[in-house]
PDB file of N, CA and C in Angstrom:
ATOM      1  N   UNK A   1      -1.112  -9.051 -18.154  1.00  0.00           N
ATOM      2  CA  UNK A   1      -0.399  -8.449 -17.083  1.00  0.00           C
ATOM      3  C   UNK A   1       0.471  -9.398 -16.163  1.00  0.00           C
ATOM      4  N   UNK A   2       1.689  -8.754 -15.848  1.00  0.00           N
ATOM      5  CA  UNK A   2       2.665  -9.694 -15.094  1.00  0.00           C
ATOM      6  C   UNK A   2       2.131 -10.167 -13.903  1.00  0.00           C
ATOM      7  N   UNK A   3       3.075 -11.278 -13.830  1.00  0.00           N
ATOM      8  CA  UNK A   3       2.774 -12.547 -12.519  1.00  0.00           C
ATOM      9  C   UNK A   3       2.438 -11.390 -11.281  1.00  0.00           C
ATOM     10  N   UNK A   4       3.310 -10.646 -10.653  1.00  0.00           N
ATOM     11  CA  UNK A   4       3.258  -9.970  -9.372  1.00  0.00           C
ATOM     12  C   UNK A   4       2.954  -8.470 -10.094  1.00  0.00           C
ATOM     13  N   UNK A   5       1.907  -7.824 -10.493  1.00  0.00           N
ATOM     14  CA  UNK A   5       1.991  -6.233 -10.899  1.00  0.00           C
ATOM     15  C   UNK A   5       1.700  -5.573  -9.727  1.00  0.00           C
ATOM     16  N   UNK A   6       2.123  -4.397  -9.950  1.00  0.00           N
ATOM     17  CA  UNK A   6       2.117  -3.239  -8.792  1.00  0.00           C
ATOM     18  C   UNK A   6       0.513  -3.151  -8.735  1.00  0.00           C
ATOM     19  N   UNK A   7       0.471  -2.587  -7.459  1.00  0.00           N
ATOM     20  CA  UNK A   7      -0.785  -2.275  -7.203  1.00  0.00           C
ATOM     21  C   UNK A   7      -1.352  -0.897  -8.077  1.00  0.00           C
ATOM     22  N   UNK A   8      -0.353  -0.216  -8.508  1.00  0.00           N
ATOM     23  CA  UNK A   8      -0.892   1.147  -9.498  1.00  0.00           C
ATOM     24  C   UNK A   8      -0.835   0.332 -10.708  1.00  0.00           C
ATOM     25  N   UNK A   9      -0.463  -0.537 -11.388  1.00  0.00           N
ATOM     26  CA  UNK A   9      -0.567  -1.426 -12.479  1.00  0.00           C
ATOM     27  C   UNK A   9      -2.264  -1.655 -12.439  1.00  0.00           C
ATOM     28  N   UNK A  10      -2.222  -2.291 -11.472  1.00  0.00           N
ATOM     29  CA  UNK A  10      -3.798  -2.928 -11.145  1.00  0.00           C
ATOM     30  C   UNK A  10      -4.925  -1.864 -11.070  1.00  0.00           C
ATOM     31  N   UNK A  11      -4.319  -0.725 -10.403  1.00  0.00           N
ATOM     32  CA  UNK A  11      -5.426   0.325 -10.354  1.00  0.00           C
ATOM     33  C   UNK A  11      -5.639   1.077 -11.981  1.00  0.00           C
ATOM     34  N   UNK A  12      -4.383   1.048 -12.619  1.00  0.00           N
ATOM     35  CA  UNK A  12      -4.422   1.525 -14.052  1.00  0.00           C
ATOM     36  C   UNK A  12      -5.582   0.553 -14.883  1.00  0.00           C
ATOM     37  N   UNK A  13      -5.344  -0.740 -14.817  1.00  0.00           N
ATOM     38  CA  UNK A  13      -6.355  -1.357 -15.220  1.00  0.00           C
ATOM     39  C   UNK A  13      -7.749  -1.975 -14.689  1.00  0.00           C
ATOM     40  N   UNK A  14      -8.119  -1.016 -13.608  1.00  0.00           N
ATOM     41  CA  UNK A  14      -9.205  -0.881 -13.249  1.00  0.00           C
ATOM     42  C   UNK A  14      -9.379  -2.413 -12.391  1.00  0.00           C
ATOM     43  N   UNK A  15      -8.715  -2.861 -12.030  1.00  0.00           N
ATOM     44  CA  UNK A  15      -8.729  -4.112 -11.171  1.00  0.00           C
ATOM     45  C   UNK A  15      -8.593  -3.963  -9.633  1.00  0.00           C
ATOM     46  N   UNK A  16      -8.384  -2.683  -9.534  1.00  0.00           N
ATOM     47  CA  UNK A  16      -8.678  -2.345  -7.891  1.00  0.00           C
ATOM     48  C   UNK A  16      -8.480  -0.571  -8.159  1.00  0.00           C
ATOM     49  N   UNK A  17      -9.828  -0.341  -7.030  1.00  0.00           N
ATOM     50  CA  UNK A  17     -10.281   0.873  -6.964  1.00  0.00           C
ATOM     51  C   UNK A  17      -9.658   1.945  -6.295  1.00  0.00           C
ATOM     52  N   UNK A  18     -10.290   2.519  -6.098  1.00  0.00           N
ATOM     53  CA  UNK A  18      -9.215   3.919  -5.332  1.00  0.00           C
ATOM     54  C   UNK A  18     -10.040   3.652  -3.843  1.00  0.00           C
ATOM     55  N   UNK A  19     -11.084   3.189  -3.514  1.00  0.00           N
ATOM     56  CA  UNK A  19     -11.751   2.769  -2.276  1.00  0.00           C
ATOM     57  C   UNK A  19     -10.744   1.498  -1.466  1.00  0.00           C
ATOM     58  N   UNK A  20     -10.190   0.877  -2.454  1.00  0.00           N
ATOM     59  CA  UNK A  20      -9.638  -0.591  -1.894  1.00  0.00           C
ATOM     60  C   UNK A  20      -8.326  -0.060  -1.511  1.00  0.00           C
ATOM     61  N   UNK A  21      -7.525   0.960  -2.224  1.00  0.00           N
ATOM     62  CA  UNK A  21      -6.460   1.416  -2.078  1.00  0.00           C
ATOM     63  C   UNK A  21      -6.324   2.229  -0.879  1.00  0.00           C
ATOM     64  N   UNK A  22      -7.774   3.017  -0.635  1.00  0.00           N
ATOM     65  CA  UNK A  22      -7.910   3.577   0.695  1.00  0.00           C
ATOM     66  C   UNK A  22      -7.847   2.912   1.910  1.00  0.00           C
ATOM     67  N   UNK A  23      -8.464   1.813   1.709  1.00  0.00           N
ATOM     68  CA  UNK A  23      -8.579   0.709   2.975  1.00  0.00           C
ATOM     69  C   UNK A  23      -7.504   0.099   3.196  1.00  0.00           C
ATOM     70  N   UNK A  24      -6.558  -0.010   2.254  1.00  0.00           N
ATOM     71  CA  UNK A  24      -5.311  -0.449   2.612  1.00  0.00           C
ATOM     72  C   UNK A  24      -4.283   0.420   3.184  1.00  0.00           C
ATOM     73  N   UNK A  25      -4.637   1.679   2.820  1.00  0.00           N
ATOM     74  CA  UNK A  25      -3.872   2.774   3.613  1.00  0.00           C
ATOM     75  C   UNK A  25      -4.287   3.031   4.746  1.00  0.00           C
ATOM     76  N   UNK A  26      -5.512   2.970   5.493  1.00  0.00           N
ATOM     77  CA  UNK A  26      -6.337   2.809   6.254  1.00  0.00           C
ATOM     78  C   UNK A  26      -5.672   1.722   7.436  1.00  0.00           C
ATOM     79  N   UNK A  27      -5.947   0.331   6.604  1.00  0.00           N
ATOM     80  CA  UNK A  27      -5.105  -0.417   7.469  1.00  0.00           C
ATOM     81  C   UNK A  27      -4.135  -0.608   7.645  1.00  0.00           C
ATOM     82  N   UNK A  28      -3.104   0.004   7.264  1.00  0.00           N
ATOM     83  CA  UNK A  28      -1.601   0.160   7.606  1.00  0.00           C
ATOM     84  C   UNK A  28      -1.326   1.331   8.860  1.00  0.00           C
ATOM     85  N   UNK A  29      -2.385   2.192   8.614  1.00  0.00           N
ATOM     86  CA  UNK A  29      -2.289   3.376   9.608  1.00  0.00           C
ATOM     87  C   UNK A  29      -3.092   2.657  10.773  1.00  0.00           C
ATOM     88  N   UNK A  30      -3.832   1.690  10.583  1.00  0.00           N
ATOM     89  CA  UNK A  30      -4.477   1.373  12.096  1.00  0.00           C
ATOM     90  C   UNK A  30      -3.628   0.459  12.535  1.00  0.00           C
ATOM     91  N   UNK A  31      -2.866  -0.315  11.938  1.00  0.00           N
ATOM     92  CA  UNK A  31      -2.065  -1.385  12.435  1.00  0.00           C
ATOM     93  C   UNK A  31      -0.792  -1.596  11.402  1.00  0.00           C
ATOM     94  N   UNK A  32       0.531  -0.867  11.906  1.00  0.00           N
ATOM     95  CA  UNK A  32       1.442  -1.088  10.938  1.00  0.00           C
ATOM     96  C   UNK A  32       1.843  -2.289  10.813  1.00  0.00           C
ATOM     97  N   UNK A  33       1.868  -3.305  11.480  1.00  0.00           N
ATOM     98  CA  UNK A  33       2.054  -4.844  11.530  1.00  0.00           C
ATOM     99  C   UNK A  33       1.452  -5.506  10.099  1.00  0.00           C
ATOM    100  N   UNK A  34       0.495  -4.819   9.498  1.00  0.00           N
ATOM    101  CA  UNK A  34      -0.416  -5.510   8.783  1.00  0.00           C
ATOM    102  C   UNK A  34       0.477  -5.983   7.467  1.00  0.00           C
ATOM    103  N   UNK A  35       0.043  -7.467   7.205  1.00  0.00           N
ATOM    104  CA  UNK A  35       1.061  -8.237   6.429  1.00  0.00           C
ATOM    105  C   UNK A  35       0.105  -8.500   5.063  1.00  0.00           C
ATOM    106  N   UNK A  36      -0.415  -9.898   5.182  1.00  0.00           N
ATOM    107  CA  UNK A  36      -1.304 -10.141   3.936  1.00  0.00           C
ATOM    108  C   UNK A  36      -2.694  -9.448   3.934  1.00  0.00           C
ATOM    109  N   UNK A  37      -2.733  -8.197   3.123  1.00  0.00           N
ATOM    110  CA  UNK A  37      -4.075  -7.529   3.035  1.00  0.00           C
ATOM    111  C   UNK A  37      -4.604  -7.650   1.506  1.00  0.00           C
ATOM    112  N   UNK A  38      -5.863  -7.839   1.538  1.00  0.00           N
ATOM    113  CA  UNK A  38      -6.316  -8.287   0.241  1.00  0.00           C
ATOM    114  C   UNK A  38      -6.707  -7.018  -0.340  1.00  0.00           C
ATOM    115  N   UNK A  39      -5.955  -6.801  -1.384  1.00  0.00           N
ATOM    116  CA  UNK A  39      -5.901  -5.686  -2.227  1.00  0.00           C
ATOM    117  C   UNK A  39      -7.061  -5.442  -3.725  1.00  0.00           C
ATOM    118  N   UNK A  40      -7.065  -6.739  -4.146  1.00  0.00           N
ATOM    119  CA  UNK A  40      -7.652  -6.652  -5.182  1.00  0.00           C
ATOM    120  C   UNK A  40      -8.524  -8.300  -5.484  1.00  0.00           C
ATOM    121  N   UNK A  41      -9.400  -8.482  -6.183  1.00  0.00           N
ATOM    122  CA  UNK A  41      -9.828  -9.758  -6.494  1.00  0.00           C
ATOM    123  C   UNK A  41      -8.626 -10.837  -6.650  1.00  0.00           C
ATOM    124  N   UNK A  42      -8.488 -11.510  -6.316  1.00  0.00           N
ATOM    125  CA  UNK A  42      -7.417 -12.607  -6.197  1.00  0.00           C
ATOM    126  C   UNK A  42      -5.824 -12.096  -5.699  1.00  0.00           C
ATOM    127  N   UNK A  43      -5.582 -10.895  -5.368  1.00  0.00           N
ATOM    128  CA  UNK A  43      -4.341 -10.387  -5.095  1.00  0.00           C
ATOM    129  C   UNK A  43      -4.283  -9.961  -3.531  1.00  0.00           C
ATOM    130  N   UNK A  44      -3.062 -10.090  -2.897  1.00  0.00           N
ATOM    131  CA  UNK A  44      -2.827  -9.564  -1.568  1.00  0.00           C
ATOM    132  C   UNK A  44      -1.550  -8.803  -1.581  1.00  0.00           C
ATOM    133  N   UNK A  45      -1.451  -7.929  -0.613  1.00  0.00           N
ATOM    134  CA  UNK A  45      -0.381  -7.230  -0.297  1.00  0.00           C
ATOM    135  C   UNK A  45       0.150  -7.322   1.030  1.00  0.00           C
ATOM    136  N   UNK A  46       1.273  -7.361   1.364  1.00  0.00           N
ATOM    137  CA  UNK A  46       2.252  -7.083   2.698  1.00  0.00           C
ATOM    138  C   UNK A  46       2.265  -5.627   2.894  1.00  0.00           C
ATOM    139  N   UNK A  47       1.229  -5.005   3.646  1.00  0.00           N
ATOM    140  CA  UNK A  47       1.371  -3.587   3.858  1.00  0.00           C
ATOM    141  C   UNK A  47       2.780  -3.132   4.314  1.00  0.00           C
ATOM    142  N   UNK A  48       3.149  -3.959   5.547  1.00  0.00           N
ATOM    143  CA  UNK A  48       4.021  -3.442   6.063  1.00  0.00           C
ATOM    144  C   UNK A  48       5.476  -3.613   5.222  1.00  0.00           C
ATOM    145  N   UNK A  49       5.600  -4.554   4.679  1.00  0.00           N
ATOM    146  CA  UNK A  49       6.875  -4.581   3.720  1.00  0.00           C
ATOM    147  C   UNK A  49       6.841  -3.584   2.199  1.00  0.00           C
ATOM    148  N   UNK A  50       5.179  -3.512   1.808  1.00  0.00           N
ATOM    149  CA  UNK A  50       5.283  -2.384   1.003  1.00  0.00           C
ATOM    150  C   UNK A  50       5.921  -1.100   1.718  1.00  0.00           C
ATOM    151  N   UNK A  51       5.693  -0.652   2.763  1.00  0.00           N
ATOM    152  CA  UNK A  51       6.241   0.884   3.312  1.00  0.00           C
ATOM    153  C   UNK A  51       7.986   0.689   3.889  1.00  0.00           C
ATOM    154  N   UNK A  52       8.001  -0.803   4.460  1.00  0.00           N
ATOM    155  CA  UNK A  52       9.298  -0.676   4.775  1.00  0.00           C
ATOM    156  C   UNK A  52      10.429  -0.737   3.589  1.00  0.00           C
ATOM    157  N   UNK A  53       9.821  -1.044   2.485  1.00  0.00           N
ATOM    158  CA  UNK A  53      10.455  -1.056   1.295  1.00  0.00           C
ATOM    159  C   UNK A  53      10.519   0.222   0.508  1.00  0.00           C
ATOM    160  N   UNK A  54       9.892   1.145   1.022  1.00  0.00           N
ATOM    161  CA  UNK A  54       9.993   2.236   0.152  1.00  0.00           C
ATOM    162  C   UNK A  54      10.692   3.335   1.384  1.00  0.00           C
ATOM    163  N   UNK A  55      11.933   3.936   0.796  1.00  0.00           N
ATOM    164  CA  UNK A  55      12.442   4.537   1.685  1.00  0.00           C
ATOM    165  C   UNK A  55      12.080   6.030   2.655  1.00  0.00           C
ATOM    166  N   UNK A  56      11.368   6.872   1.350  1.00  0.00           N
ATOM    167  CA  UNK A  56      10.587   7.773   2.061  1.00  0.00           C
ATOM    168  C   UNK A  56       9.479   7.779   2.646  1.00  0.00           C
ATOM    169  N   UNK A  57       8.777   6.652   2.288  1.00  0.00           N
ATOM    170  CA  UNK A  57       7.358   6.319   2.887  1.00  0.00           C
ATOM    171  C   UNK A  57       7.718   5.911   4.546  1.00  0.00           C
ATOM    172  N   UNK A  58       8.960   5.278   4.798  1.00  0.00           N
ATOM    173  CA  UNK A  58       8.993   4.557   5.897  1.00  0.00           C
ATOM    174  C   UNK A  58       9.656   5.714   6.928  1.00  0.00           C
ATOM    175  N   UNK A  59      10.212   6.528   6.399  1.00  0.00           N
ATOM    176  CA  UNK A  59      10.930   7.739   6.852  1.00  0.00           C
ATOM    177  C   UNK A  59       9.686   8.708   7.545  1.00  0.00           C
ATOM    178  N   UNK A  60       8.775   8.814   6.839  1.00  0.00           N
ATOM    179  CA  UNK A  60       7.725   9.988   6.955  1.00  0.00           C
ATOM    180  C   UNK A  60       6.646   9.281   8.037  1.00  0.00           C
ATOM    181  N   UNK A  61       6.705   7.925   7.910  1.00  0.00           N
ATOM    182  CA  UNK A  61       5.645   7.208   9.091  1.00  0.00           C
ATOM    183  C   UNK A  61       6.425   7.193  10.249  1.00  0.00           C
ATOM    184  N   UNK A  62       7.807   7.143  10.329  1.00  0.00           N
ATOM    185  CA  UNK A  62       8.382   7.183  11.623  1.00  0.00           C
ATOM    186  C   UNK A  62       8.657   8.336  11.990  1.00  0.00           C
ATOM    187  N   UNK A  63       8.621   9.582  11.407  1.00  0.00           N
ATOM    188  CA  UNK A  63       8.665  10.833  12.014  1.00  0.00           C
ATOM    189  C   UNK A  63       7.438  11.172  12.705  1.00  0.00           C
ATOM    190  N   UNK A  64       7.395  11.568  14.263  1.00  0.00           N
ATOM    191  CA  UNK A  64       6.472  12.086  14.828  1.00  0.00           C
ATOM    192  C   UNK A  64       5.890  13.342  14.450  1.00  0.00           C
ATOM    193  N   UNK A  65       6.896  14.063  13.480  1.00  0.00           N
ATOM    194  CA  UNK A  65       6.316  15.082  13.547  1.00  0.00           C
ATOM    195  C   UNK A  65       5.822  15.589  11.790  1.00  0.00           C
ATOM    196  N   UNK A  66       5.487  14.339  11.236  1.00  0.00           N
ATOM    197  CA  UNK A  66       4.959  14.523  10.001  1.00  0.00           C
ATOM    198  C   UNK A  66       3.592  14.594  10.200  1.00  0.00           C
ATOM    199  N   UNK A  67       2.824  15.111   9.208  1.00  0.00           N
ATOM    200  CA  UNK A  67       1.472  15.417   9.355  1.00  0.00           C
ATOM    201  C   UNK A  67       0.417  14.277   8.934  1.00  0.00           C
ATOM    202  N   UNK A  68      -0.354  13.923   9.732  1.00  0.00           N
ATOM    203  CA  UNK A  68      -1.352  12.584   9.319  1.00  0.00           C
ATOM    204  C   UNK A  68      -1.841  12.932   7.894  1.00  0.00           C
ATOM    205  N   UNK A  69      -1.779  13.607   7.113  1.00  0.00           N
ATOM    206  CA  UNK A  69      -2.015  13.753   5.594  1.00  0.00           C
ATOM    207  C   UNK A  69      -0.683  13.609   4.655  1.00  0.00           C
ATOM    208  N   UNK A  70       0.551  13.887   5.265  1.00  0.00           N
ATOM    209  CA  UNK A  70       1.612  13.378   4.645  1.00  0.00           C
ATOM    210  C   UNK A  70       1.930  12.032   4.990  1.00  0.00           C
ATOM    211  N   UNK A  71       1.742  11.481   5.983  1.00  0.00           N
ATOM    212  CA  UNK A  71       1.798   9.953   6.136  1.00  0.00           C
ATOM    213  C   UNK A  71       0.941   8.920   5.225  1.00  0.00           C
ATOM    214  N   UNK A  72      -0.497   9.663   5.049  1.00  0.00           N
ATOM    215  CA  UNK A  72      -1.338   8.972   4.204  1.00  0.00           C
ATOM    216  C   UNK A  72      -0.670   9.027   2.597  1.00  0.00           C
ATOM    217  N   UNK A  73      -0.163  10.346   2.549  1.00  0.00           N
ATOM    218  CA  UNK A  73       0.028  10.300   1.012  1.00  0.00           C
ATOM    219  C   UNK A  73       1.380   9.362   0.841  1.00  0.00           C
ATOM    220  N   UNK A  74       2.109   9.150   1.746  1.00  0.00           N
ATOM    221  CA  UNK A  74       3.548   8.622   1.809  1.00  0.00           C
ATOM    222  C   UNK A  74       3.110   6.967   1.704  1.00  0.00           C
ATOM    223  N   UNK A  75       2.331   6.504   2.633  1.00  0.00           N
ATOM    224  CA  UNK A  75       1.636   5.213   2.572  1.00  0.00           C
ATOM    225  C   UNK A  75       1.057   4.877   1.293  1.00  0.00           C
ATOM    226  N   UNK A  76       0.386   5.840   0.685  1.00  0.00           N
ATOM    227  CA  UNK A  76      -0.508   5.248  -0.507  1.00  0.00           C
ATOM    228  C   UNK A  76       0.539   5.280  -1.415  1.00  0.00           C
ATOM    229  N   UNK A  77       1.577   6.227  -1.749  1.00  0.00           N
ATOM    230  CA  UNK A  77       2.491   6.013  -2.650  1.00  0.00           C
ATOM    231  C   UNK A  77       3.280   4.630  -2.592  1.00  0.00           C
ATOM    232  N   UNK A  78       3.516   3.948  -1.504  1.00  0.00           N
ATOM    233  CA  UNK A  78       4.377   2.849  -1.318  1.00  0.00           C
ATOM    234  C   UNK A  78       3.497   1.904  -1.764  1.00  0.00           C
ATOM    235  N   UNK A  79       2.109   1.978  -1.088  1.00  0.00           N
ATOM    236  CA  UNK A  79       1.407   1.000  -1.801  1.00  0.00           C
ATOM    237  C   UNK A  79       1.146   0.771  -3.164  1.00  0.00           C
ATOM    238  N   UNK A  80       0.756   2.018  -4.021  1.00  0.00           N
ATOM    239  CA  UNK A  80       0.741   1.876  -5.226  1.00  0.00           C
ATOM    240  C   UNK A  80       2.212   1.248  -5.928  1.00  0.00           C
ATOM    241  N   UNK A  81       3.149   1.563  -5.620  1.00  0.00           N
ATOM    242  CA  UNK A  81       4.439   1.157  -5.789  1.00  0.00           C
ATOM    243  C   UNK A  81       5.044  -0.350  -5.691  1.00  0.00           C
ATOM    244  N   UNK A  82       4.107  -1.291  -5.059  1.00  0.00           N
ATOM    245  CA  UNK A  82       4.557  -2.215  -4.233  1.00  0.00           C
ATOM    246  C   UNK A  82       4.011  -3.462  -5.286  1.00  0.00           C
ATOM    247  N   UNK A  83       4.652  -4.726  -5.310  1.00  0.00           N
ATOM    248  CA  UNK A  83       3.837  -5.596  -5.923  1.00  0.00           C
ATOM    249  C   UNK A  83       2.734  -6.414  -5.491  1.00  0.00           C
ATOM    250  N   UNK A  84       1.825  -6.778  -5.794  1.00  0.00           N
ATOM    251  CA  UNK A  84       0.557  -7.703  -5.440  1.00  0.00           C
ATOM    252  C   UNK A  84       1.041  -8.782  -5.600  1.00  0.00           C
ATOM    253  N   UNK A  85       0.861  -9.995  -4.669  1.00  0.00           N
ATOM    254  CA  UNK A  85       0.840 -11.348  -4.966  1.00  0.00           C
ATOM    255  C   UNK A  85      -0.371 -11.964  -5.158  1.00  0.00           C
ATOM    256  N   UNK A  86      -0.273 -13.058  -6.166  1.00  0.00           N
ATOM    257  CA  UNK A  86      -1.484 -13.606  -6.201  1.00  0.00           C
ATOM    258  C   UNK A  86      -2.117 -14.601  -5.167  1.00  0.00           C
ATOM    259  N   UNK A  87      -3.259 -14.539  -4.553  1.00  0.00           N
ATOM    260  CA  UNK A  87      -3.662 -14.940  -3.539  1.00  0.00           C
ATOM    261  C   UNK A  87      -3.779 -16.669  -3.482  1.00  0.00           C
TER     262      UNK A  87
END
C-alpha cells in the first residue's frame, strides 16, 4: 500500500469500514472546518482539505439549494478520493 493511500484504497483493502467513512462524512457536515479526523487505524484525514480539494464536492456543499442527500454523496466522494496520512 502507498505511503499515503486514498481512503478508497483503504476501503478496498478493508482497512477502513463503511461506518468509518460515514462517521467522517457526519463529522465534516457537523463542522466543516474539521481537519485531523482519524479515518482508520493509524491514518488521519484533513476533511476540510479533502472537500476543498474536490471541485464538485466543494460547489455542492456551498450551494444552499443542494439537498442533504446530494451533500452527503459529494462529501463521501471527496473523502474516498482523498489521501490519508499516517498518524
